[in-house]
Amino acid sequence: METVHPAPSLLGMSLKEIREICTAQGMPSFSAAQICSWLYGKRVKAIEEMSNISRKNREWLAANYTIGRRQAMERQVSRDGTVKYLLKRGSPFLLKLYISLTAAGEPSVYPVRRDAAGAAAFA
């Protein structure tokens, strides 16, 4: 039985890493900056939205990579300001994030992974 691995996410990659991908695929060198602009500036949710990337290159990117943004299935805010997100992270796992602000106003993130049956384990 062959193991299927999920496509890597573009989100989180540096300009240098994306440039290496573009160069290896034979895309113009400026494509990396365009892709980064779409990812980090315009915050696209789908590779198909990158309208200044050729259709051929968008199709190749979509076949080999994902954007990597996950939509929250659930969001809760408690009285103390802690925000909880439930994110789908590939079948059969759900990812629950607890985000609270420190006294300095910086976020603290505590991921808890849940399997389909609801069993929790800190990630």
PDB file of N, CA and C in Angstrom:
ATOM      1  N   MET A   1       0.847  -1.177   0.000  1.00  0.00           N
ATOM      2  CA  MET A   1       0.000   0.000   0.000  1.00  0.00           C
ATOM      3  C   MET A   1       0.891   1.239   0.000  1.00  0.00           C
ATOM      4  N   GLU A   2       0.628   2.170  -0.904  1.00  0.00           N
ATOM      5  CA  GLU A   2       1.420   3.379  -1.032  1.00  0.00           C
ATOM      6  C   GLU A   2       0.910   4.449  -0.075  1.00  0.00           C
ATOM      7  N   THR A   3       1.841   5.107   0.618  1.00  0.00           N
ATOM      8  CA  THR A   3       1.484   6.186   1.524  1.00  0.00           C
ATOM      9  C   THR A   3       1.345   7.474   0.722  1.00  0.00           C
ATOM     10  N   VAL A   4       0.247   8.167   0.934  1.00  0.00           N
ATOM     11  CA  VAL A   4       0.014   9.439   0.255  1.00  0.00           C
ATOM     12  C   VAL A   4       0.380  10.553   1.223  1.00  0.00           C
ATOM     13  N   HIS A   5       1.288  11.430   0.799  1.00  0.00           N
ATOM     14  CA  HIS A   5       1.706  12.555   1.623  1.00  0.00           C
ATOM     15  C   HIS A   5       0.996  13.811   1.154  1.00  0.00           C
ATOM     16  N   PRO A   6       0.564  14.646   2.101  1.00  0.00           N
ATOM     17  CA  PRO A   6      -0.097  15.881   1.685  1.00  0.00           C
ATOM     18  C   PRO A   6       0.883  16.811   0.975  1.00  0.00           C
ATOM     19  N   ALA A   7       0.353  17.616   0.078  1.00  0.00           N
ATOM     20  CA  ALA A   7       1.184  18.580  -0.650  1.00  0.00           C
ATOM     21  C   ALA A   7       1.742  19.591   0.341  1.00  0.00           C
ATOM     22  N   PRO A   8       2.995  20.008   0.158  1.00  0.00           N
ATOM     23  CA  PRO A   8       3.563  21.006   1.065  1.00  0.00           C
ATOM     24  C   PRO A   8       2.870  22.357   0.923  1.00  0.00           C
ATOM     25  N   SER A   9       2.911  23.120   1.981  1.00  0.00           N
ATOM     26  CA  SER A   9       2.280  24.426   2.021  1.00  0.00           C
ATOM     27  C   SER A   9       3.258  25.510   1.593  1.00  0.00           C
ATOM     28  N   LEU A  10       2.796  26.440   0.766  1.00  0.00           N
ATOM     29  CA  LEU A  10       3.613  27.592   0.390  1.00  0.00           C
ATOM     30  C   LEU A  10       3.697  28.603   1.530  1.00  0.00           C
ATOM     31  N   LEU A  11       2.621  28.704   2.295  1.00  0.00           N
ATOM     32  CA  LEU A  11       2.578  29.650   3.399  1.00  0.00           C
ATOM     33  C   LEU A  11       3.634  29.264   4.426  1.00  0.00           C
ATOM     34  N   GLY A  12       4.461  30.197   4.790  1.00  0.00           N
ATOM     35  CA  GLY A  12       5.550  29.930   5.721  1.00  0.00           C
ATOM     36  C   GLY A  12       6.901  29.822   5.034  1.00  0.00           C
ATOM     37  N   MET A  13       6.890  29.677   3.703  1.00  0.00           N
ATOM     38  CA  MET A  13       8.148  29.622   2.963  1.00  0.00           C
ATOM     39  C   MET A  13       8.685  31.041   2.756  1.00  0.00           C
ATOM     40  N   SER A  14       9.996  31.140   2.704  1.00  0.00           N
ATOM     41  CA  SER A  14      10.635  32.433   2.465  1.00  0.00           C
ATOM     42  C   SER A  14      10.670  32.732   0.969  1.00  0.00           C
ATOM     43  N   LEU A  15      10.988  33.972   0.641  1.00  0.00           N
ATOM     44  CA  LEU A  15      11.157  34.355  -0.757  1.00  0.00           C
ATOM     45  C   LEU A  15      12.225  33.483  -1.409  1.00  0.00           C
ATOM     46  N   LYS A  16      13.303  33.225  -0.703  1.00  0.00           N
ATOM     47  CA  LYS A  16      14.385  32.391  -1.235  1.00  0.00           C
ATOM     48  C   LYS A  16      13.884  30.982  -1.555  1.00  0.00           C
ATOM     49  N   GLU A  17      13.114  30.385  -0.647  1.00  0.00           N
ATOM     50  CA  GLU A  17      12.596  29.029  -0.874  1.00  0.00           C
ATOM     51  C   GLU A  17      11.645  28.996  -2.072  1.00  0.00           C
ATOM     52  N   ILE A  18      10.788  29.993  -2.167  1.00  0.00           N
ATOM     53  CA  ILE A  18       9.846  30.034  -3.293  1.00  0.00           C
ATOM     54  C   ILE A  18      10.594  30.299  -4.594  1.00  0.00           C
ATOM     55  N   ARG A  19      11.628  31.122  -4.538  1.00  0.00           N
ATOM     56  CA  ARG A  19      12.448  31.372  -5.734  1.00  0.00           C
ATOM     57  C   ARG A  19      13.101  30.072  -6.215  1.00  0.00           C
ATOM     58  N   GLU A  20      13.569  29.245  -5.288  1.00  0.00           N
ATOM     59  CA  GLU A  20      14.179  27.954  -5.657  1.00  0.00           C
ATOM     60  C   GLU A  20      13.164  27.051  -6.352  1.00  0.00           C
ATOM     61  N   ILE A  21      11.931  27.044  -5.857  1.00  0.00           N
ATOM     62  CA  ILE A  21      10.863  26.256  -6.484  1.00  0.00           C
ATOM     63  C   ILE A  21      10.602  26.770  -7.894  1.00  0.00           C
ATOM     64  N   CYS A  22      10.485  28.079  -8.029  1.00  0.00           N
ATOM     65  CA  CYS A  22      10.200  28.689  -9.337  1.00  0.00           C
ATOM     66  C   CYS A  22      11.329  28.401 -10.325  1.00  0.00           C
ATOM     67  N   THR A  23      12.568  28.548  -9.879  1.00  0.00           N
ATOM     68  CA  THR A  23      13.716  28.306 -10.754  1.00  0.00           C
ATOM     69  C   THR A  23      13.749  26.853 -11.212  1.00  0.00           C
ATOM     70  N   ALA A  24      13.514  25.933 -10.285  1.00  0.00           N
ATOM     71  CA  ALA A  24      13.522  24.511 -10.629  1.00  0.00           C
ATOM     72  C   ALA A  24      12.429  24.167 -11.634  1.00  0.00           C
ATOM     73  N   GLN A  25      11.319  24.899 -11.597  1.00  0.00           N
ATOM     74  CA  GLN A  25      10.202  24.653 -12.509  1.00  0.00           C
ATOM     75  C   GLN A  25      10.339  25.420 -13.819  1.00  0.00           C
ATOM     76  N   GLY A  26      11.347  26.298 -13.903  1.00  0.00           N
ATOM     77  CA  GLY A  26      11.547  27.077 -15.125  1.00  0.00           C
ATOM     78  C   GLY A  26      10.674  28.308 -15.222  1.00  0.00           C
ATOM     79  N   MET A  27      10.120  28.748 -14.101  1.00  0.00           N
ATOM     80  CA  MET A  27       9.312  29.968 -14.093  1.00  0.00           C
ATOM     81  C   MET A  27      10.242  31.181 -14.139  1.00  0.00           C
ATOM     82  N   PRO A  28       9.742  32.326 -14.596  1.00  0.00           N
ATOM     83  CA  PRO A  28      10.548  33.545 -14.558  1.00  0.00           C
ATOM     84  C   PRO A  28      10.956  33.857 -13.112  1.00  0.00           C
ATOM     85  N   SER A  29      12.134  34.454 -12.924  1.00  0.00           N
ATOM     86  CA  SER A  29      12.636  34.708 -11.576  1.00  0.00           C
ATOM     87  C   SER A  29      11.735  35.638 -10.775  1.00  0.00           C
ATOM     88  N   PHE A  30      11.017  36.549 -11.446  1.00  0.00           N
ATOM     89  CA  PHE A  30      10.132  37.471 -10.733  1.00  0.00           C
ATOM     90  C   PHE A  30       8.871  36.797 -10.197  1.00  0.00           C
ATOM     91  N   SER A  31       8.608  35.574 -10.629  1.00  0.00           N
ATOM     92  CA  SER A  31       7.405  34.864 -10.158  1.00  0.00           C
ATOM     93  C   SER A  31       7.413  34.659  -8.656  1.00  0.00           C
ATOM     94  N   ALA A  32       8.586  34.445  -8.073  1.00  0.00           N
ATOM     95  CA  ALA A  32       8.673  34.220  -6.630  1.00  0.00           C
ATOM     96  C   ALA A  32       8.166  35.432  -5.854  1.00  0.00           C
ATOM     97  N   ALA A  33       8.569  36.628  -6.282  1.00  0.00           N
ATOM     98  CA  ALA A  33       8.104  37.846  -5.611  1.00  0.00           C
ATOM     99  C   ALA A  33       6.591  38.014  -5.793  1.00  0.00           C
ATOM    100  N   GLN A  34       6.086  37.661  -6.965  1.00  0.00           N
ATOM    101  CA  GLN A  34       4.634  37.750  -7.198  1.00  0.00           C
ATOM    102  C   GLN A  34       3.891  36.785  -6.273  1.00  0.00           C
ATOM    103  N   ILE A  35       4.390  35.561  -6.157  1.00  0.00           N
ATOM    104  CA  ILE A  35       3.745  34.561  -5.301  1.00  0.00           C
ATOM    105  C   ILE A  35       3.765  35.030  -3.852  1.00  0.00           C
ATOM    106  N   CYS A  36       4.896  35.565  -3.385  1.00  0.00           N
ATOM    107  CA  CYS A  36       4.978  36.065  -2.012  1.00  0.00           C
ATOM    108  C   CYS A  36       4.006  37.217  -1.786  1.00  0.00           C
ATOM    109  N   SER A  37       3.850  38.070  -2.784  1.00  0.00           N
ATOM    110  CA  SER A  37       2.889  39.168  -2.675  1.00  0.00           C
ATOM    111  C   SER A  37       1.471  38.628  -2.501  1.00  0.00           C
ATOM    112  N   TRP A  38       1.132  37.588  -3.261  1.00  0.00           N
ATOM    113  CA  TRP A  38      -0.190  36.973  -3.141  1.00  0.00           C
ATOM    114  C   TRP A  38      -0.365  36.309  -1.777  1.00  0.00           C
ATOM    115  N   LEU A  39       0.665  35.605  -1.307  1.00  0.00           N
ATOM    116  CA  LEU A  39       0.563  34.882  -0.039  1.00  0.00           C
ATOM    117  C   LEU A  39       0.499  35.813   1.163  1.00  0.00           C
ATOM    118  N   TYR A  40       1.463  36.733   1.239  1.00  0.00           N
ATOM    119  CA  TYR A  40       1.646  37.519   2.448  1.00  0.00           C
ATOM    120  C   TYR A  40       1.029  38.911   2.383  1.00  0.00           C
ATOM    121  N   GLY A  41       0.856  39.443   1.188  1.00  0.00           N
ATOM    122  CA  GLY A  41       0.241  40.765   1.056  1.00  0.00           C
ATOM    123  C   GLY A  41      -1.255  40.687   0.855  1.00  0.00           C
ATOM    124  N   LYS A  42      -1.670  39.927  -0.147  1.00  0.00           N
ATOM    125  CA  LYS A  42      -3.096  39.837  -0.497  1.00  0.00           C
ATOM    126  C   LYS A  42      -3.805  38.698   0.228  1.00  0.00           C
ATOM    127  N   ARG A  43      -3.018  37.813   0.862  1.00  0.00           N
ATOM    128  CA  ARG A  43      -3.559  36.714   1.690  1.00  0.00           C
ATOM    129  C   ARG A  43      -4.576  35.848   0.945  1.00  0.00           C
ATOM    130  N   VAL A  44      -4.205  35.403  -0.265  1.00  0.00           N
ATOM    131  CA  VAL A  44      -5.109  34.571  -1.058  1.00  0.00           C
ATOM    132  C   VAL A  44      -5.375  33.242  -0.359  1.00  0.00           C
ATOM    133  N   LYS A  45      -6.497  32.646  -0.697  1.00  0.00           N
ATOM    134  CA  LYS A  45      -6.866  31.350  -0.132  1.00  0.00           C
ATOM    135  C   LYS A  45      -6.690  30.220  -1.126  1.00  0.00           C
ATOM    136  N   ALA A  46      -6.482  30.564  -2.411  1.00  0.00           N
ATOM    137  CA  ALA A  46      -6.334  29.542  -3.447  1.00  0.00           C
ATOM    138  C   ALA A  46      -5.300  30.005  -4.465  1.00  0.00           C
ATOM    139  N   ILE A  47      -4.511  29.075  -4.945  1.00  0.00           N
ATOM    140  CA  ILE A  47      -3.490  29.370  -5.947  1.00  0.00           C
ATOM    141  C   ILE A  47      -4.136  29.946  -7.204  1.00  0.00           C
ATOM    142  N   GLU A  48      -5.354  29.521  -7.530  1.00  0.00           N
ATOM    143  CA  GLU A  48      -6.052  29.993  -8.716  1.00  0.00           C
ATOM    144  C   GLU A  48      -6.286  31.503  -8.696  1.00  0.00           C
ATOM    145  N   GLU A  49      -6.254  32.129  -7.506  1.00  0.00           N
ATOM    146  CA  GLU A  49      -6.463  33.571  -7.387  1.00  0.00           C
ATOM    147  C   GLU A  49      -5.250  34.379  -7.844  1.00  0.00           C
ATOM    148  N   MET A  50      -4.110  33.753  -8.025  1.00  0.00           N
ATOM    149  CA  MET A  50      -2.870  34.452  -8.397  1.00  0.00           C
ATOM    150  C   MET A  50      -2.900  34.799  -9.879  1.00  0.00           C
ATOM    151  N   SER A  51      -3.647  35.833 -10.220  1.00  0.00           N
ATOM    152  CA  SER A  51      -3.954  36.135 -11.621  1.00  0.00           C
ATOM    153  C   SER A  51      -2.767  36.607 -12.462  1.00  0.00           C
ATOM    154  N   ASN A  52      -1.680  37.051 -11.844  1.00  0.00           N
ATOM    155  CA  ASN A  52      -0.538  37.465 -12.648  1.00  0.00           C
ATOM    156  C   ASN A  52       0.508  36.353 -12.812  1.00  0.00           C
ATOM    157  N   ILE A  53       0.176  35.154 -12.387  1.00  0.00           N
ATOM    158  CA  ILE A  53       0.983  33.952 -12.625  1.00  0.00           C
ATOM    159  C   ILE A  53       0.307  33.221 -13.787  1.00  0.00           C
ATOM    160  N   SER A  54       1.087  32.724 -14.730  1.00  0.00           N
ATOM    161  CA  SER A  54       0.478  32.071 -15.896  1.00  0.00           C
ATOM    162  C   SER A  54      -0.395  30.896 -15.475  1.00  0.00           C
ATOM    163  N   ARG A  55      -1.392  30.610 -16.288  1.00  0.00           N
ATOM    164  CA  ARG A  55      -2.310  29.500 -15.997  1.00  0.00           C
ATOM    165  C   ARG A  55      -1.528  28.192 -15.855  1.00  0.00           C
ATOM    166  N   LYS A  56      -0.583  27.967 -16.745  1.00  0.00           N
ATOM    167  CA  LYS A  56       0.236  26.747 -16.697  1.00  0.00           C
ATOM    168  C   LYS A  56       0.972  26.636 -15.356  1.00  0.00           C
ATOM    169  N   ASN A  57       1.562  27.721 -14.911  1.00  0.00           N
ATOM    170  CA  ASN A  57       2.302  27.695 -13.649  1.00  0.00           C
ATOM    171  C   ASN A  57       1.379  27.598 -12.440  1.00  0.00           C
ATOM    172  N   ARG A  58       0.206  28.228 -12.510  1.00  0.00           N
ATOM    173  CA  ARG A  58      -0.772  28.078 -11.424  1.00  0.00           C
ATOM    174  C   ARG A  58      -1.240  26.632 -11.320  1.00  0.00           C
ATOM    175  N   GLU A  59      -1.487  25.998 -12.466  1.00  0.00           N
ATOM    176  CA  GLU A  59      -1.920  24.596 -12.454  1.00  0.00           C
ATOM    177  C   GLU A  59      -0.837  23.708 -11.856  1.00  0.00           C
ATOM    178  N   TRP A  60       0.430  23.968 -12.219  1.00  0.00           N
ATOM    179  CA  TRP A  60       1.524  23.183 -11.666  1.00  0.00           C
ATOM    180  C   TRP A  60       1.642  23.406 -10.158  1.00  0.00           C
ATOM    181  N   LEU A  61       1.565  24.667  -9.727  1.00  0.00           N
ATOM    182  CA  LEU A  61       1.629  24.963  -8.295  1.00  0.00           C
ATOM    183  C   LEU A  61       0.494  24.277  -7.544  1.00  0.00           C
ATOM    184  N   ALA A  62      -0.718  24.372  -8.068  1.00  0.00           N
ATOM    185  CA  ALA A  62      -1.885  23.772  -7.404  1.00  0.00           C
ATOM    186  C   ALA A  62      -1.782  22.252  -7.325  1.00  0.00           C
ATOM    187  N   ALA A  63      -1.128  21.635  -8.314  1.00  0.00           N
ATOM    188  CA  ALA A  63      -0.966  20.182  -8.307  1.00  0.00           C
ATOM    189  C   ALA A  63       0.113  19.731  -7.325  1.00  0.00           C
ATOM    190  N   ASN A  64       1.018  20.641  -6.956  1.00  0.00           N
ATOM    191  CA  ASN A  64       2.165  20.252  -6.135  1.00  0.00           C
ATOM    192  C   ASN A  64       2.248  20.914  -4.767  1.00  0.00           C
ATOM    193  N   TYR A  65       1.470  21.969  -4.550  1.00  0.00           N
ATOM    194  CA  TYR A  65       1.515  22.728  -3.298  1.00  0.00           C
ATOM    195  C   TYR A  65       0.117  23.153  -2.892  1.00  0.00           C
ATOM    196  N   THR A  66      -0.012  23.540  -1.641  1.00  0.00           N
ATOM    197  CA  THR A  66      -1.232  24.169  -1.154  1.00  0.00           C
ATOM    198  C   THR A  66      -0.859  25.550  -0.645  1.00  0.00           C
ATOM    199  N   ILE A  67      -1.848  26.397  -0.461  1.00  0.00           N
ATOM    200  CA  ILE A  67      -1.593  27.686   0.170  1.00  0.00           C
ATOM    201  C   ILE A  67      -1.241  27.443   1.635  1.00  0.00           C
ATOM    202  N   GLY A  68      -2.043  26.650   2.311  1.00  0.00           N
ATOM    203  CA  GLY A  68      -1.767  26.321   3.701  1.00  0.00           C
ATOM    204  C   GLY A  68      -2.617  27.052   4.715  1.00  0.00           C
ATOM    205  N   ARG A  69      -3.539  27.894   4.268  1.00  0.00           N
ATOM    206  CA  ARG A  69      -4.444  28.553   5.215  1.00  0.00           C
ATOM    207  C   ARG A  69      -5.550  27.576   5.590  1.00  0.00           C
ATOM    208  N   ARG A  70      -5.879  27.581   6.851  1.00  0.00           N
ATOM    209  CA  ARG A  70      -6.966  26.734   7.319  1.00  0.00           C
ATOM    210  C   ARG A  70      -8.071  27.614   7.878  1.00  0.00           C
ATOM    211  N   GLN A  71      -9.285  27.293   7.527  1.00  0.00           N
ATOM    212  CA  GLN A  71     -10.415  28.049   8.032  1.00  0.00           C
ATOM    213  C   GLN A  71     -10.846  27.443   9.360  1.00  0.00           C
ATOM    214  N   ALA A  72     -11.115  28.304  10.315  1.00  0.00           N
ATOM    215  CA  ALA A  72     -11.561  27.838  11.623  1.00  0.00           C
ATOM    216  C   ALA A  72     -12.954  27.247  11.513  1.00  0.00           C
ATOM    217  N   MET A  73     -13.137  26.057  12.079  1.00  0.00           N
ATOM    218  CA  MET A  73     -14.454  25.428  12.111  1.00  0.00           C
ATOM    219  C   MET A  73     -15.260  26.006  13.277  1.00  0.00           C
ATOM    220  N   GLU A  74     -14.532  26.475  14.295  1.00  0.00           N
ATOM    221  CA  GLU A  74     -15.190  27.006  15.486  1.00  0.00           C
ATOM    222  C   GLU A  74     -14.249  28.019  16.130  1.00  0.00           C
ATOM    223  N   ARG A  75     -14.816  29.109  16.685  1.00  0.00           N
ATOM    224  CA  ARG A  75     -14.030  30.120  17.402  1.00  0.00           C
ATOM    225  C   ARG A  75     -14.788  30.507  18.654  1.00  0.00           C
ATOM    226  N   GLN A  76     -14.100  30.471  19.806  1.00  0.00           N
ATOM    227  CA  GLN A  76     -14.707  30.851  21.073  1.00  0.00           C
ATOM    228  C   GLN A  76     -13.797  31.854  21.773  1.00  0.00           C
ATOM    229  N   VAL A  77     -14.392  32.850  22.416  1.00  0.00           N
ATOM    230  CA  VAL A  77     -13.632  33.836  23.178  1.00  0.00           C
ATOM    231  C   VAL A  77     -14.138  33.801  24.616  1.00  0.00           C
ATOM    232  N   SER A  78     -13.210  33.591  25.564  1.00  0.00           N
ATOM    233  CA  SER A  78     -13.606  33.549  26.973  1.00  0.00           C
ATOM    234  C   SER A  78     -13.515  34.940  27.591  1.00  0.00           C
ATOM    235  N   ARG A  79     -14.017  35.083  28.818  1.00  0.00           N
ATOM    236  CA  ARG A  79     -14.019  36.384  29.497  1.00  0.00           C
ATOM    237  C   ARG A  79     -12.612  36.911  29.746  1.00  0.00           C
ATOM    238  N   ASP A  80     -11.639  36.008  29.929  1.00  0.00           N
ATOM    239  CA  ASP A  80     -10.271  36.466  30.196  1.00  0.00           C
ATOM    240  C   ASP A  80      -9.498  36.806  28.923  1.00  0.00           C
ATOM    241  N   GLY A  81     -10.160  36.698  27.762  1.00  0.00           N
ATOM    242  CA  GLY A  81      -9.532  37.053  26.503  1.00  0.00           C
ATOM    243  C   GLY A  81      -8.916  35.893  25.746  1.00  0.00           C
ATOM    244  N   THR A  82      -8.915  34.705  26.344  1.00  0.00           N
ATOM    245  CA  THR A  82      -8.387  33.538  25.640  1.00  0.00           C
ATOM    246  C   THR A  82      -9.289  33.227  24.452  1.00  0.00           C
ATOM    247  N   VAL A  83      -8.673  33.006  23.298  1.00  0.00           N
ATOM    248  CA  VAL A  83      -9.417  32.670  22.091  1.00  0.00           C
ATOM    249  C   VAL A  83      -9.103  31.221  21.749  1.00  0.00           C
ATOM    250  N   LYS A  84     -10.133  30.443  21.475  1.00  0.00           N
ATOM    251  CA  LYS A  84      -9.970  29.037  21.105  1.00  0.00           C
ATOM    252  C   LYS A  84     -10.433  28.859  19.666  1.00  0.00           C
ATOM    253  N   TYR A  85      -9.613  28.190  18.866  1.00  0.00           N
ATOM    254  CA  TYR A  85      -9.962  27.884  17.482  1.00  0.00           C
ATOM    255  C   TYR A  85      -9.955  26.376  17.300  1.00  0.00           C
ATOM    256  N   LEU A  86     -10.913  25.861  16.572  1.00  0.00           N
ATOM    257  CA  LEU A  86     -10.918  24.470  16.173  1.00  0.00           C
ATOM    258  C   LEU A  86     -10.681  24.460  14.666  1.00  0.00           C
ATOM    259  N   LEU A  87      -9.548  23.883  14.248  1.00  0.00           N
ATOM    260  CA  LEU A  87      -9.164  23.850  12.845  1.00  0.00           C
ATOM    261  C   LEU A  87      -9.131  22.420  12.349  1.00  0.00           C
ATOM    262  N   LYS A  88      -9.566  22.196  11.130  1.00  0.00           N
ATOM    263  CA  LYS A  88      -9.443  20.880  10.516  1.00  0.00           C
ATOM    264  C   LYS A  88      -8.039  20.784   9.942  1.00  0.00           C
ATOM    265  N   ARG A  89      -7.342  19.730  10.285  1.00  0.00           N
ATOM    266  CA  ARG A  89      -5.964  19.570   9.853  1.00  0.00           C
ATOM    267  C   ARG A  89      -5.803  18.199   9.217  1.00  0.00           C
ATOM    268  N   GLY A  90      -6.479  17.974   8.152  1.00  0.00           N
ATOM    269  CA  GLY A  90      -6.361  16.700   7.457  1.00  0.00           C
ATOM    270  C   GLY A  90      -7.065  15.592   8.210  1.00  0.00           C
ATOM    271  N   SER A  91      -7.739  14.761   7.496  1.00  0.00           N
ATOM    272  CA  SER A  91      -8.483  13.663   8.089  1.00  0.00           C
ATOM    273  C   SER A  91      -7.513  12.684   8.728  1.00  0.00           C
ATOM    274  N   PRO A  92      -7.786  12.155   9.897  1.00  0.00           N
ATOM    275  CA  PRO A  92      -8.960  12.326  10.748  1.00  0.00           C
ATOM    276  C   PRO A  92      -8.726  13.321  11.878  1.00  0.00           C
ATOM    277  N   PHE A  93      -7.715  14.185  11.778  1.00  0.00           N
ATOM    278  CA  PHE A  93      -7.346  15.030  12.899  1.00  0.00           C
ATOM    279  C   PHE A  93      -7.971  16.416  12.847  1.00  0.00           C
ATOM    280  N   LEU A  94      -8.302  16.905  14.028  1.00  0.00           N
ATOM    281  CA  LEU A  94      -8.720  18.280  14.221  1.00  0.00           C
ATOM    282  C   LEU A  94      -7.652  18.917  15.098  1.00  0.00           C
ATOM    283  N   LEU A  95      -7.400  20.181  14.929  1.00  0.00           N
ATOM    284  CA  LEU A  95      -6.409  20.876  15.726  1.00  0.00           C
ATOM    285  C   LEU A  95      -7.124  21.972  16.492  1.00  0.00           C
ATOM    286  N   LYS A  96      -6.989  21.942  17.805  1.00  0.00           N
ATOM    287  CA  LYS A  96      -7.578  22.989  18.620  1.00  0.00           C
ATOM    288  C   LYS A  96      -6.445  23.855  19.143  1.00  0.00           C
ATOM    289  N   LEU A  97      -6.555  25.167  18.947  1.00  0.00           N
ATOM    290  CA  LEU A  97      -5.556  26.108  19.408  1.00  0.00           C
ATOM    291  C   LEU A  97      -6.155  26.967  20.509  1.00  0.00           C
ATOM    292  N   TYR A  98      -5.422  27.128  21.600  1.00  0.00           N
ATOM    293  CA  TYR A  98      -5.793  28.058  22.651  1.00  0.00           C
ATOM    294  C   TYR A  98      -4.823  29.225  22.547  1.00  0.00           C
ATOM    295  N   ILE A  99      -5.334  30.418  22.337  1.00  0.00           N
ATOM    296  CA  ILE A  99      -4.485  31.592  22.189  1.00  0.00           C
ATOM    297  C   ILE A  99      -4.859  32.578  23.286  1.00  0.00           C
ATOM    298  N   SER A 100      -3.874  32.941  24.098  1.00  0.00           N
ATOM    299  CA  SER A 100      -4.106  33.947  25.120  1.00  0.00           C
ATOM    300  C   SER A 100      -2.993  34.976  25.035  1.00  0.00           C
ATOM    301  N   LEU A 101      -3.250  36.180  25.541  1.00  0.00           N
ATOM    302  CA  LEU A 101      -2.253  37.237  25.506  1.00  0.00           C
ATOM    303  C   LEU A 101      -1.502  37.274  26.828  1.00  0.00           C
ATOM    304  N   THR A 102      -0.190  37.462  26.739  1.00  0.00           N
ATOM    305  CA  THR A 102       0.631  37.608  27.935  1.00  0.00           C
ATOM    306  C   THR A 102       0.420  39.009  28.495  1.00  0.00           C
ATOM    307  N   ALA A 103       1.003  39.291  29.661  1.00  0.00           N
ATOM    308  CA  ALA A 103       0.886  40.619  30.262  1.00  0.00           C
ATOM    309  C   ALA A 103       1.452  41.686  29.331  1.00  0.00           C
ATOM    310  N   ALA A 104       2.428  41.312  28.500  1.00  0.00           N
ATOM    311  CA  ALA A 104       3.024  42.260  27.549  1.00  0.00           C
ATOM    312  C   ALA A 104       2.201  42.377  26.269  1.00  0.00           C
ATOM    313  N   GLY A 105       1.102  41.624  26.170  1.00  0.00           N
ATOM    314  CA  GLY A 105       0.247  41.691  24.993  1.00  0.00           C
ATOM    315  C   GLY A 105       0.662  40.780  23.861  1.00  0.00           C
ATOM    316  N   GLU A 106       1.617  39.875  24.112  1.00  0.00           N
ATOM    317  CA  GLU A 106       2.061  38.946  23.080  1.00  0.00           C
ATOM    318  C   GLU A 106       1.261  37.651  23.171  1.00  0.00           C
ATOM    319  N   PRO A 107       0.964  37.040  22.024  1.00  0.00           N
ATOM    320  CA  PRO A 107       0.146  35.823  22.054  1.00  0.00           C
ATOM    321  C   PRO A 107       0.923  34.597  22.534  1.00  0.00           C
ATOM    322  N   SER A 108       0.263  33.770  23.296  1.00  0.00           N
ATOM    323  CA  SER A 108       0.757  32.444  23.658  1.00  0.00           C
ATOM    324  C   SER A 108      -0.178  31.451  22.994  1.00  0.00           C
ATOM    325  N   VAL A 109       0.365  30.480  22.287  1.00  0.00           N
ATOM    326  CA  VAL A 109      -0.451  29.521  21.548  1.00  0.00           C
ATOM    327  C   VAL A 109      -0.208  28.132  22.117  1.00  0.00           C
ATOM    328  N   TYR A 110      -1.294  27.434  22.438  1.00  0.00           N
ATOM    329  CA  TYR A 110      -1.225  26.088  22.978  1.00  0.00           C
ATOM    330  C   TYR A 110      -2.034  25.156  22.087  1.00  0.00           C
ATOM    331  N   PRO A 111      -1.383  24.401  21.201  1.00  0.00           N
ATOM    332  CA  PRO A 111      -2.146  23.501  20.340  1.00  0.00           C
ATOM    333  C   PRO A 111      -2.515  22.214  21.067  1.00  0.00           C
ATOM    334  N   VAL A 112      -3.721  21.753  20.822  1.00  0.00           N
ATOM    335  CA  VAL A 112      -4.198  20.456  21.307  1.00  0.00           C
ATOM    336  C   VAL A 112      -4.744  19.717  20.110  1.00  0.00           C
ATOM    337  N   ARG A 113      -4.210  18.538  19.818  1.00  0.00           N
ATOM    338  CA  ARG A 113      -4.671  17.773  18.660  1.00  0.00           C
ATOM    339  C   ARG A 113      -5.751  16.795  19.117  1.00  0.00           C
ATOM    340  N   ARG A 114      -6.791  16.667  18.318  1.00  0.00           N
ATOM    341  CA  ARG A 114      -7.863  15.718  18.618  1.00  0.00           C
ATOM    342  C   ARG A 114      -8.041  14.798  17.425  1.00  0.00           C
ATOM    343  N   ASP A 115      -8.184  13.507  17.699  1.00  0.00           N
ATOM    344  CA  ASP A 115      -8.465  12.607  16.596  1.00  0.00           C
ATOM    345  C   ASP A 115      -9.972  12.590  16.365  1.00  0.00           C
ATOM    346  N   ALA A 116     -10.401  11.860  15.376  1.00  0.00           N
ATOM    347  CA  ALA A 116     -11.812  11.843  14.986  1.00  0.00           C
ATOM    348  C   ALA A 116     -12.721  11.400  16.125  1.00  0.00           C
ATOM    349  N   ALA A 117     -12.197  10.586  17.044  1.00  0.00           N
ATOM    350  CA  ALA A 117     -13.008  10.099  18.147  1.00  0.00           C
ATOM    351  C   ALA A 117     -13.057  11.102  19.306  1.00  0.00           C
ATOM    352  N   GLY A 118     -12.257  12.185  19.204  1.00  0.00           N
ATOM    353  CA  GLY A 118     -12.297  13.212  20.229  1.00  0.00           C
ATOM    354  C   GLY A 118     -11.215  13.081  21.290  1.00  0.00           C
ATOM    355  N   ALA A 119     -10.356  12.075  21.196  1.00  0.00           N
ATOM    356  CA  ALA A 119      -9.280  11.928  22.163  1.00  0.00           C
ATOM    357  C   ALA A 119      -8.273  13.052  21.965  1.00  0.00           C
ATOM    358  N   ALA A 120      -7.855  13.699  23.048  1.00  0.00           N
ATOM    359  CA  ALA A 120      -6.965  14.851  22.938  1.00  0.00           C
ATOM    360  C   ALA A 120      -5.540  14.495  23.333  1.00  0.00           C
ATOM    361  N   ALA A 121      -4.604  15.182  22.704  1.00  0.00           N
ATOM    362  CA  ALA A 121      -3.194  15.074  23.065  1.00  0.00           C
ATOM    363  C   ALA A 121      -2.551  16.407  22.747  1.00  0.00           C
ATOM    364  N   PHE A 122      -1.734  16.926  23.655  1.00  0.00           N
ATOM    365  CA  PHE A 122      -1.059  18.198  23.346  1.00  0.00           C
ATOM    366  C   PHE A 122      -0.080  17.965  22.242  1.00  0.00           C
ATOM    367  N   ALA A 123      -0.135  18.857  21.230  1.00  0.00           N
ATOM    368  CA  ALA A 123       0.723  18.720  20.052  1.00  0.00           C
ATOM    369  C   ALA A 123       2.093  19.312  20.339  1.00  0.00           C
TER     370      ALA A 123
END
